[in-house]
Amino acid sequence: MAGILATTVLTGASAQAASGGGCTEYSSGVRPERYIDFRACISAPKVGVGRPDAYLTLRAGHPACKVYIRAVRTGGSRVVSNKVHNCPAGAVRMKRFTAPDFKDNHHEEGEAYATYFQIRWSDGDWAPQYPYRSPWLKLP
């Protein structure tokens, strides 16, 4: 289709916690007027607890959408936290979305956790985006 531009750019980790984790920044868009920027993040606010979150920038004029935040554990990709949010109407800059903190008492040594971020557009014009991942975090 002429005039459609689709890109996804991984810009690298923007922060690193002592135990790993941090944020990975991404940019994606179809049609220049609908670009989005987001960060998939994970941290350990205290010993044995993981905190998944994401930050989203949307340009004005975007269709309705949903934001999926999911934390998974290595070794079978077991989901340990999950939350779906409606996108806000209009333009937003670095709006924070969270999933519940998790405490996984059944993890095995060497296992790590990551946050997956996905946005799905409801207007049928955009296919769902692939989920994007934070850096891996080993819980302290």
N, C-alpha and C. Protein backbone atom coordinates (compact mmCIF):
# COMPACT_ATOMS: atom_id res chain seq x y z
N MET A 1 0.83 -1.15 0.00
CA MET A 1 0.00 0.00 0.00
C MET A 1 0.90 1.23 0.00
N ALA A 2 0.70 2.13 -0.92
CA ALA A 2 1.53 3.32 -1.02
C ALA A 2 1.27 4.25 0.15
N GLY A 3 2.29 4.91 0.61
CA GLY A 3 2.14 5.90 1.65
C GLY A 3 2.10 5.36 3.07
N ILE A 4 2.28 4.08 3.25
CA ILE A 4 2.25 3.53 4.60
C ILE A 4 3.68 3.19 5.01
N LEU A 5 4.03 3.64 6.18
CA LEU A 5 5.35 3.42 6.71
C LEU A 5 5.20 2.69 8.03
N ALA A 6 5.88 1.58 8.18
CA ALA A 6 5.82 0.83 9.43
C ALA A 6 7.23 0.61 9.92
N THR A 7 7.48 0.97 11.17
CA THR A 7 8.81 0.77 11.74
C THR A 7 8.70 0.33 13.18
N THR A 8 9.72 -0.36 13.61
CA THR A 8 9.90 -0.68 15.01
C THR A 8 11.38 -0.53 15.28
N VAL A 9 11.70 0.23 16.31
CA VAL A 9 13.09 0.50 16.62
C VAL A 9 13.34 0.16 18.07
N LEU A 10 14.33 -0.66 18.33
CA LEU A 10 14.76 -0.97 19.68
C LEU A 10 15.88 0.00 19.99
N THR A 11 15.72 0.79 21.06
CA THR A 11 16.74 1.79 21.36
C THR A 11 17.60 1.43 22.55
N GLY A 12 17.39 0.26 23.13
CA GLY A 12 18.28 -0.18 24.20
C GLY A 12 17.73 0.10 25.58
N ALA A 13 18.39 -0.46 26.56
CA ALA A 13 17.95 -0.31 27.95
C ALA A 13 18.23 1.10 28.42
N SER A 14 17.26 1.69 29.10
CA SER A 14 17.43 3.05 29.58
C SER A 14 17.78 3.10 31.06
N ALA A 15 17.59 2.01 31.76
CA ALA A 15 17.91 1.97 33.18
C ALA A 15 18.20 0.54 33.58
N GLN A 16 19.03 0.37 34.56
CA GLN A 16 19.34 -0.97 35.04
C GLN A 16 19.27 -0.99 36.55
N ALA A 17 18.48 -1.90 37.10
CA ALA A 17 18.45 -2.11 38.54
C ALA A 17 19.63 -2.99 38.93
N ALA A 18 19.97 -2.99 40.20
CA ALA A 18 21.12 -3.77 40.67
C ALA A 18 20.96 -5.25 40.36
N SER A 19 19.72 -5.73 40.33
CA SER A 19 19.47 -7.15 40.09
C SER A 19 19.05 -7.42 38.65
N GLY A 20 19.38 -6.52 37.74
CA GLY A 20 18.91 -6.63 36.37
C GLY A 20 17.69 -5.77 36.21
N GLY A 21 16.87 -6.10 35.26
CA GLY A 21 15.65 -5.32 35.07
C GLY A 21 15.93 -3.99 34.41
N GLY A 22 15.06 -3.04 34.63
CA GLY A 22 15.16 -1.74 34.00
C GLY A 22 14.11 -1.62 32.91
N CYS A 23 14.37 -0.77 31.94
CA CYS A 23 13.43 -0.51 30.86
C CYS A 23 14.09 -0.68 29.51
N THR A 24 13.30 -1.08 28.54
CA THR A 24 13.73 -1.10 27.15
C THR A 24 12.77 -0.21 26.38
N GLU A 25 13.30 0.70 25.59
CA GLU A 25 12.48 1.65 24.84
C GLU A 25 12.24 1.16 23.42
N TYR A 26 11.04 1.42 22.92
CA TYR A 26 10.67 1.05 21.57
C TYR A 26 9.89 2.20 20.92
N SER A 27 9.95 2.27 19.61
CA SER A 27 9.11 3.16 18.83
C SER A 27 8.48 2.34 17.73
N SER A 28 7.24 2.63 17.41
CA SER A 28 6.54 1.87 16.40
C SER A 28 5.47 2.74 15.78
N GLY A 29 5.12 2.45 14.54
CA GLY A 29 4.05 3.21 13.95
C GLY A 29 3.69 2.76 12.56
N VAL A 30 2.48 3.03 12.23
CA VAL A 30 1.96 2.84 10.89
C VAL A 30 1.36 4.19 10.53
N ARG A 31 1.77 4.74 9.44
CA ARG A 31 1.36 6.09 9.05
C ARG A 31 2.00 7.09 10.00
N PRO A 32 2.69 8.03 9.52
CA PRO A 32 3.43 8.96 10.39
C PRO A 32 2.59 9.64 11.47
N GLU A 33 1.30 9.87 11.24
CA GLU A 33 0.49 10.56 12.24
C GLU A 33 0.11 9.67 13.41
N ARG A 34 0.46 8.40 13.39
CA ARG A 34 0.06 7.50 14.47
C ARG A 34 1.25 6.85 15.16
N TYR A 35 2.36 7.51 15.24
CA TYR A 35 3.51 6.92 15.92
C TYR A 35 3.29 6.84 17.42
N ILE A 36 3.86 5.82 18.00
CA ILE A 36 3.82 5.64 19.44
C ILE A 36 5.23 5.37 19.93
N ASP A 37 5.48 5.71 21.17
CA ASP A 37 6.73 5.39 21.84
C ASP A 37 6.35 4.74 23.16
N PHE A 38 7.11 3.75 23.59
CA PHE A 38 6.80 3.09 24.84
C PHE A 38 8.02 2.44 25.44
N ARG A 39 7.93 2.19 26.73
CA ARG A 39 8.98 1.50 27.48
C ARG A 39 8.35 0.33 28.21
N ALA A 40 8.94 -0.82 28.10
CA ALA A 40 8.55 -1.99 28.88
C ALA A 40 9.56 -2.10 30.02
N CYS A 41 9.08 -2.12 31.26
CA CYS A 41 9.97 -2.04 32.42
C CYS A 41 9.66 -3.12 33.44
N ILE A 42 10.68 -3.42 34.25
CA ILE A 42 10.50 -4.32 35.40
C ILE A 42 11.53 -3.94 36.44
N SER A 43 11.12 -4.03 37.71
CA SER A 43 12.03 -3.71 38.80
C SER A 43 11.69 -4.58 40.00
N ALA A 44 12.55 -4.52 41.02
CA ALA A 44 12.33 -5.26 42.26
C ALA A 44 12.30 -4.23 43.39
N PRO A 45 11.09 -3.78 43.80
CA PRO A 45 11.01 -2.75 44.83
C PRO A 45 11.46 -3.23 46.21
N LYS A 46 11.43 -4.55 46.43
CA LYS A 46 11.95 -5.13 47.67
C LYS A 46 12.30 -6.59 47.41
N VAL A 47 12.95 -7.21 48.34
CA VAL A 47 13.41 -8.59 48.18
C VAL A 47 12.24 -9.51 47.88
N GLY A 48 12.38 -10.30 46.80
CA GLY A 48 11.39 -11.30 46.45
C GLY A 48 10.15 -10.78 45.75
N VAL A 49 10.13 -9.49 45.39
CA VAL A 49 8.96 -8.89 44.76
C VAL A 49 9.35 -8.25 43.43
N GLY A 50 8.56 -8.53 42.39
CA GLY A 50 8.77 -7.93 41.08
C GLY A 50 7.67 -6.93 40.78
N ARG A 51 8.02 -5.87 40.03
CA ARG A 51 7.05 -4.84 39.67
C ARG A 51 7.10 -4.58 38.17
N PRO A 52 6.08 -5.06 37.42
CA PRO A 52 6.01 -4.79 35.98
C PRO A 52 5.30 -3.46 35.70
N ASP A 53 5.84 -2.67 34.78
CA ASP A 53 5.13 -1.48 34.34
C ASP A 53 5.59 -1.10 32.94
N ALA A 54 4.88 -0.13 32.38
CA ALA A 54 5.19 0.35 31.03
C ALA A 54 4.80 1.81 30.94
N TYR A 55 5.44 2.53 30.04
CA TYR A 55 5.18 3.95 29.81
C TYR A 55 4.87 4.14 28.34
N LEU A 56 3.81 4.90 28.06
CA LEU A 56 3.30 5.00 26.70
C LEU A 56 3.11 6.45 26.29
N THR A 57 3.58 6.78 25.09
CA THR A 57 3.32 8.06 24.45
C THR A 57 2.52 7.79 23.19
N LEU A 58 1.36 8.42 23.09
CA LEU A 58 0.49 8.29 21.92
C LEU A 58 0.25 9.67 21.34
N ARG A 59 0.28 9.79 20.03
CA ARG A 59 -0.03 11.05 19.36
C ARG A 59 -1.55 11.20 19.26
N ALA A 60 -2.02 12.43 19.16
CA ALA A 60 -3.45 12.70 19.02
C ALA A 60 -3.98 12.03 17.75
N GLY A 61 -5.25 11.67 17.78
CA GLY A 61 -5.88 11.08 16.61
C GLY A 61 -5.75 9.57 16.51
N HIS A 62 -5.19 8.92 17.52
CA HIS A 62 -5.06 7.46 17.47
C HIS A 62 -6.42 6.80 17.68
N PRO A 63 -6.60 5.60 17.13
CA PRO A 63 -7.86 4.88 17.36
C PRO A 63 -7.91 4.35 18.79
N ALA A 64 -9.08 3.89 19.21
CA ALA A 64 -9.21 3.25 20.52
C ALA A 64 -8.29 2.03 20.57
N CYS A 65 -7.79 1.74 21.75
CA CYS A 65 -6.87 0.61 21.87
C CYS A 65 -6.87 0.08 23.29
N LYS A 66 -6.20 -1.03 23.46
CA LYS A 66 -5.99 -1.64 24.77
C LYS A 66 -4.50 -1.88 24.95
N VAL A 67 -4.04 -1.72 26.18
CA VAL A 67 -2.65 -1.94 26.56
C VAL A 67 -2.60 -3.19 27.43
N TYR A 68 -1.77 -4.14 27.05
CA TYR A 68 -1.59 -5.38 27.80
C TYR A 68 -0.22 -5.36 28.47
N ILE A 69 -0.21 -5.54 29.79
CA ILE A 69 1.04 -5.62 30.56
C ILE A 69 1.05 -7.00 31.21
N ARG A 70 2.10 -7.75 30.96
CA ARG A 70 2.18 -9.13 31.44
C ARG A 70 3.61 -9.39 31.91
N ALA A 71 3.76 -9.95 33.11
CA ALA A 71 5.08 -10.36 33.58
C ALA A 71 5.15 -11.88 33.50
N VAL A 72 6.26 -12.38 32.99
CA VAL A 72 6.43 -13.83 32.85
C VAL A 72 7.75 -14.27 33.48
N ARG A 73 7.79 -15.55 33.81
CA ARG A 73 8.98 -16.18 34.38
C ARG A 73 9.60 -17.08 33.33
N THR A 74 10.92 -17.13 33.29
CA THR A 74 11.58 -18.07 32.39
C THR A 74 11.23 -19.49 32.81
N GLY A 75 11.56 -20.45 31.98
CA GLY A 75 11.23 -21.83 32.32
C GLY A 75 9.77 -22.12 32.09
N GLY A 76 9.31 -21.94 30.86
CA GLY A 76 7.92 -22.20 30.53
C GLY A 76 7.09 -20.94 30.36
N SER A 77 7.71 -19.79 30.55
CA SER A 77 7.03 -18.49 30.38
C SER A 77 5.75 -18.41 31.20
N ARG A 78 5.80 -18.86 32.43
CA ARG A 78 4.64 -18.79 33.32
C ARG A 78 4.27 -17.33 33.60
N VAL A 79 3.01 -16.96 33.38
CA VAL A 79 2.54 -15.60 33.66
C VAL A 79 2.40 -15.43 35.17
N VAL A 80 3.07 -14.42 35.72
CA VAL A 80 3.02 -14.16 37.16
C VAL A 80 2.27 -12.88 37.50
N SER A 81 1.98 -12.05 36.49
CA SER A 81 1.19 -10.84 36.68
C SER A 81 0.61 -10.44 35.33
N ASN A 82 -0.61 -9.91 35.34
CA ASN A 82 -1.29 -9.60 34.08
C ASN A 82 -2.32 -8.49 34.32
N LYS A 83 -2.37 -7.53 33.40
CA LYS A 83 -3.38 -6.47 33.50
C LYS A 83 -3.63 -5.90 32.11
N VAL A 84 -4.91 -5.59 31.82
CA VAL A 84 -5.30 -4.97 30.56
C VAL A 84 -5.89 -3.60 30.88
N HIS A 85 -5.43 -2.58 30.16
CA HIS A 85 -5.89 -1.21 30.35
C HIS A 85 -6.49 -0.70 29.05
N ASN A 86 -7.50 0.17 29.13
CA ASN A 86 -7.96 0.91 27.96
C ASN A 86 -7.00 2.06 27.71
N CYS A 87 -6.71 2.34 26.46
CA CYS A 87 -5.87 3.48 26.13
C CYS A 87 -6.64 4.76 26.41
N PRO A 88 -5.96 5.79 26.84
CA PRO A 88 -6.63 7.07 27.02
C PRO A 88 -6.95 7.69 25.66
N ALA A 89 -7.99 8.51 25.62
CA ALA A 89 -8.30 9.23 24.38
C ALA A 89 -7.33 10.41 24.24
N GLY A 90 -7.00 10.75 23.02
CA GLY A 90 -6.13 11.89 22.79
C GLY A 90 -4.67 11.58 23.02
N ALA A 91 -3.88 12.63 22.95
CA ALA A 91 -2.44 12.50 23.09
C ALA A 91 -2.06 12.33 24.57
N VAL A 92 -1.10 11.45 24.82
CA VAL A 92 -0.54 11.28 26.16
C VAL A 92 0.97 11.17 26.02
N ARG A 93 1.67 11.59 27.06
CA ARG A 93 3.13 11.51 27.03
C ARG A 93 3.61 10.76 28.27
N MET A 94 4.25 9.65 28.03
CA MET A 94 4.86 8.81 29.07
C MET A 94 3.86 8.48 30.19
N LYS A 95 2.67 8.06 29.80
CA LYS A 95 1.65 7.62 30.77
C LYS A 95 2.05 6.25 31.30
N ARG A 96 2.02 6.11 32.60
CA ARG A 96 2.43 4.85 33.23
C ARG A 96 1.25 3.90 33.32
N PHE A 97 1.50 2.64 32.95
CA PHE A 97 0.54 1.55 33.10
C PHE A 97 1.23 0.47 33.92
N THR A 98 0.48 -0.16 34.81
CA THR A 98 1.08 -1.18 35.68
C THR A 98 0.29 -2.48 35.63
N ALA A 99 0.94 -3.52 36.05
CA ALA A 99 0.30 -4.78 36.40
C ALA A 99 0.63 -4.99 37.88
N PRO A 100 -0.11 -5.82 38.58
CA PRO A 100 0.16 -6.00 40.02
C PRO A 100 1.58 -6.50 40.30
N ASP A 101 2.14 -6.02 41.41
CA ASP A 101 3.41 -6.57 41.87
C ASP A 101 3.22 -8.08 42.06
N PHE A 102 4.29 -8.82 41.90
CA PHE A 102 4.20 -10.27 42.08
C PHE A 102 5.28 -10.76 43.03
N LYS A 103 4.96 -11.83 43.71
CA LYS A 103 5.89 -12.53 44.58
C LYS A 103 5.81 -13.98 44.18
N ASP A 104 6.87 -14.50 43.65
CA ASP A 104 6.84 -15.88 43.17
C ASP A 104 7.72 -16.73 44.06
N ASN A 105 7.10 -17.39 45.02
CA ASN A 105 7.84 -18.20 45.99
C ASN A 105 8.29 -19.54 45.43
N HIS A 106 7.85 -19.87 44.22
CA HIS A 106 8.17 -21.18 43.65
C HIS A 106 9.23 -21.12 42.57
N HIS A 107 9.93 -20.00 42.46
CA HIS A 107 10.93 -19.90 41.40
C HIS A 107 12.16 -20.73 41.76
N GLU A 108 12.82 -21.16 40.73
CA GLU A 108 14.03 -21.94 40.91
C GLU A 108 15.23 -21.04 40.71
N GLU A 109 16.35 -21.39 41.29
CA GLU A 109 17.55 -20.58 41.16
C GLU A 109 17.89 -20.38 39.68
N GLY A 110 18.26 -19.17 39.34
CA GLY A 110 18.62 -18.86 37.96
C GLY A 110 17.46 -18.39 37.11
N GLU A 111 16.22 -18.51 37.62
CA GLU A 111 15.07 -18.05 36.84
C GLU A 111 15.02 -16.53 36.86
N ALA A 112 14.45 -15.97 35.81
CA ALA A 112 14.35 -14.52 35.69
C ALA A 112 12.94 -14.15 35.22
N TYR A 113 12.63 -12.88 35.30
CA TYR A 113 11.30 -12.36 34.99
C TYR A 113 11.43 -11.19 34.02
N ALA A 114 10.40 -11.01 33.20
CA ALA A 114 10.38 -9.88 32.26
C ALA A 114 8.94 -9.40 32.10
N THR A 115 8.81 -8.13 31.75
CA THR A 115 7.51 -7.55 31.44
C THR A 115 7.33 -7.55 29.93
N TYR A 116 6.18 -7.99 29.48
CA TYR A 116 5.81 -7.90 28.07
C TYR A 116 4.73 -6.84 27.91
N PHE A 117 4.90 -5.98 26.93
CA PHE A 117 3.97 -4.90 26.63
C PHE A 117 3.40 -5.14 25.24
N GLN A 118 2.09 -4.98 25.10
CA GLN A 118 1.47 -5.12 23.78
C GLN A 118 0.32 -4.13 23.70
N ILE A 119 0.15 -3.53 22.52
CA ILE A 119 -0.97 -2.63 22.28
C ILE A 119 -1.80 -3.20 21.14
N ARG A 120 -3.11 -3.19 21.32
CA ARG A 120 -4.02 -3.69 20.28
C ARG A 120 -5.00 -2.59 19.93
N TRP A 121 -5.10 -2.32 18.65
CA TRP A 121 -5.96 -1.26 18.14
C TRP A 121 -7.33 -1.83 17.84
N SER A 122 -8.38 -1.09 18.16
CA SER A 122 -9.74 -1.59 17.99
C SER A 122 -10.40 -1.16 16.69
N ASP A 123 -9.73 -0.33 15.88
CA ASP A 123 -10.38 0.16 14.66
C ASP A 123 -10.25 -0.79 13.48
N GLY A 124 -9.56 -1.91 13.66
CA GLY A 124 -9.43 -2.89 12.58
C GLY A 124 -8.42 -2.48 11.53
N ASP A 125 -7.92 -1.25 11.61
CA ASP A 125 -6.97 -0.76 10.62
C ASP A 125 -5.55 -1.23 10.93
N TRP A 126 -5.26 -1.47 12.19
CA TRP A 126 -3.93 -1.89 12.61
C TRP A 126 -3.99 -3.31 13.14
N ALA A 127 -3.06 -4.10 12.72
CA ALA A 127 -2.93 -5.44 13.29
C ALA A 127 -2.36 -5.29 14.70
N PRO A 128 -2.61 -6.25 15.59
CA PRO A 128 -2.01 -6.16 16.92
C PRO A 128 -0.49 -6.13 16.80
N GLN A 129 0.13 -5.37 17.68
CA GLN A 129 1.59 -5.34 17.68
C GLN A 129 2.11 -6.57 18.38
N TYR A 130 3.30 -6.98 17.97
CA TYR A 130 3.96 -8.06 18.69
C TYR A 130 4.27 -7.58 20.08
N PRO A 131 4.28 -8.46 21.07
CA PRO A 131 4.63 -8.01 22.41
C PRO A 131 6.12 -7.65 22.48
N TYR A 132 6.42 -6.60 23.20
CA TYR A 132 7.79 -6.14 23.39
C TYR A 132 8.17 -6.40 24.84
N ARG A 133 9.46 -6.65 25.07
CA ARG A 133 9.92 -7.15 26.37
C ARG A 133 10.90 -6.19 27.04
N SER A 134 10.79 -6.14 28.37
CA SER A 134 11.78 -5.44 29.20
C SER A 134 13.04 -6.29 29.29
N PRO A 135 14.11 -5.75 29.88
CA PRO A 135 15.24 -6.62 30.21
C PRO A 135 14.81 -7.66 31.24
N TRP A 136 15.58 -8.72 31.36
CA TRP A 136 15.28 -9.77 32.35
C TRP A 136 15.72 -9.32 33.74
N LEU A 137 14.98 -9.76 34.74
CA LEU A 137 15.26 -9.43 36.14
C LEU A 137 15.32 -10.70 36.95
N LYS A 138 16.38 -10.85 37.75
CA LYS A 138 16.44 -11.93 38.74
C LYS A 138 16.07 -11.32 40.07
N LEU A 139 15.04 -11.88 40.70
CA LEU A 139 14.60 -11.33 41.98
C LEU A 139 15.67 -11.50 43.04
N PRO A 140 15.90 -10.45 43.81
CA PRO A 140 16.91 -10.56 44.89
C PRO A 140 16.36 -11.38 46.05
